[in-house]
Protein backbone atom coordinates (compact mmCIF):
# COMPACT_ATOMS: atom_id res chain seq x y z
CA MET A 1 -21.89 165.10 122.01
CA SER A 2 -19.24 163.16 120.32
CA ILE A 3 -17.88 159.69 121.31
CA SER A 4 -14.43 158.98 119.98
CA ASP A 5 -13.21 155.72 118.60
CA ASN A 6 -10.82 155.56 121.52
CA ASP A 7 -13.84 155.69 123.90
CA ILE A 8 -15.46 152.81 122.08
CA GLU A 9 -12.31 150.85 122.09
CA ARG A 10 -11.96 151.27 125.82
CA ALA A 11 -15.61 150.27 126.30
CA VAL A 12 -15.24 147.10 124.19
CA ASP A 13 -11.96 146.26 126.02
CA TYR A 14 -13.76 146.85 129.35
CA LEU A 15 -16.57 144.46 128.36
CA ARG A 16 -14.07 141.79 127.23
CA ASP A 17 -11.67 142.13 130.23
CA SER A 18 -14.32 142.40 132.96
CA ALA A 19 -16.35 139.33 131.81
CA GLU A 20 -14.60 136.84 133.99
CA ALA A 21 -14.56 138.93 137.08
CA CYS A 22 -18.27 139.80 136.65
CA ALA A 23 -19.13 136.11 136.17
CA LYS A 24 -17.26 135.32 139.38
CA LYS A 25 -19.11 138.01 141.28
CA ARG A 26 -22.43 136.76 139.94
CA ALA A 27 -21.50 133.13 140.94
CA GLU A 28 -20.60 134.29 144.48
CA ARG A 29 -23.86 136.02 144.82
CA LEU A 30 -25.86 133.14 143.58
CA TYR A 31 -23.99 130.69 145.78
CA LEU A 32 -24.39 132.84 148.89
CA ASP A 33 -28.13 133.24 148.07
CA GLU A 34 -28.59 129.46 147.81
CA TYR A 35 -26.44 128.93 150.94
CA THR A 36 -28.81 131.04 152.99
CA ARG A 37 -31.39 128.26 153.36
CA ALA A 38 -28.76 125.60 154.13
CA LEU A 39 -27.16 127.73 156.86
CA LYS A 40 -30.61 128.49 158.34
CA SER A 41 -31.46 124.76 158.38
CA LEU A 42 -28.16 123.91 159.86
CA ILE A 43 -28.59 126.32 162.74
CA MET A 44 -32.24 125.31 163.19
CA SER A 45 -31.16 121.62 163.41
CA GLU A 46 -29.00 122.55 166.43
CA HIS A 47 -32.23 123.38 168.25
CA LEU A 48 -34.47 120.48 167.46
CA ALA A 49 -35.90 120.27 170.92
CA GLU A 50 -37.42 123.73 170.43
CA SER A 51 -40.59 124.62 168.53
CA LEU A 52 -40.33 125.56 164.88
CA GLY A 53 -40.83 129.19 165.81
CA ALA A 54 -38.12 129.04 168.33
CA GLN A 55 -35.77 127.37 165.84
CA GLU A 56 -36.47 130.13 163.39
CA ARG A 57 -35.72 132.79 166.08
CA TYR A 58 -32.47 131.04 166.98
CA SER A 59 -31.33 130.83 163.34
CA CYS A 60 -32.12 134.43 162.50
CA SER A 61 -30.34 135.77 165.55
CA ASP A 62 -27.24 133.54 165.29
CA ILE A 63 -24.06 135.39 164.51
CA ARG A 64 -23.21 132.96 161.67
CA TYR A 65 -26.48 133.81 159.93
CA ARG A 66 -26.09 137.54 160.42
CA ASN A 67 -22.46 137.34 159.17
CA HIS A 68 -23.71 135.40 156.10
CA LEU A 69 -26.27 137.98 155.43
CA GLU A 70 -23.65 140.73 155.51
CA ALA A 71 -21.52 138.74 153.07
CA LEU A 72 -24.63 138.23 150.82
CA ARG A 73 -25.22 142.00 150.90
CA GLN A 74 -21.68 142.76 149.82
CA ALA A 75 -21.92 140.11 147.08
CA ILE A 76 -25.13 141.61 145.78
CA PHE A 77 -23.44 145.06 145.80
CA GLU A 78 -20.38 143.82 143.79
CA ASP A 79 -22.61 141.89 141.37
CA GLU A 80 -24.92 144.90 140.72
CA LYS A 81 -21.99 147.35 140.40
CA GLY A 82 -20.44 145.15 137.73
CA ARG A 83 -23.75 144.75 135.96
CA PHE A 84 -24.34 148.46 135.92
CA LEU A 85 -20.76 149.29 134.72
CA ARG A 86 -21.14 146.80 131.89
CA ALA A 87 -24.54 148.23 130.95
CA ALA A 88 -22.97 151.69 130.84
CA ALA A 89 -20.25 150.45 128.49
CA GLU A 90 -22.87 148.75 126.26
CA ALA A 91 -24.96 152.01 126.22
CA LYS A 92 -21.96 153.96 125.05
CA ILE A 93 -21.30 151.52 122.32
CA ASN A 94 -24.94 151.67 121.26
CA ALA A 95 -24.92 155.45 121.29
CA TRP A 96 -21.92 155.48 119.04
CA GLN A 97 -23.50 152.98 116.72
CA THR A 98 -26.49 155.19 116.40
CA MET A 99 -24.51 158.37 115.93
CA SER A 100 -22.41 156.59 113.26
CA ALA A 101 -25.45 155.43 111.44
CA ASN A 102 -26.92 158.84 111.46
CA GLU A 103 -23.76 160.37 110.12
CA ARG A 104 -23.74 157.85 107.27
CA GLY A 105 -27.34 158.72 106.58
CA LYS A 106 -26.40 162.41 106.03
CA ILE A 107 -24.12 161.51 103.22
């Protein structure tokens, strides 16, 4: 197996060029994860006359909460996809470095 210099250049370019987009995806995921508790509390506060268990049921069945969970699922997918693509580019660079070191060792 051979990894060309062009492959490595593309991998390095990808890591550089995708950094900001990946950071935004991560920030969105973390924000939505933190917002989960706030949204649940907000919905529960709309049912203060009910027991805590009933408040919990109302919040979990509320369309706003279910829509939020769907958005969170998508944010997790986007964040993980970016993370895995970046890891693949890093693995390619690491393999190239190892192959290059092995070639220098043969001389």
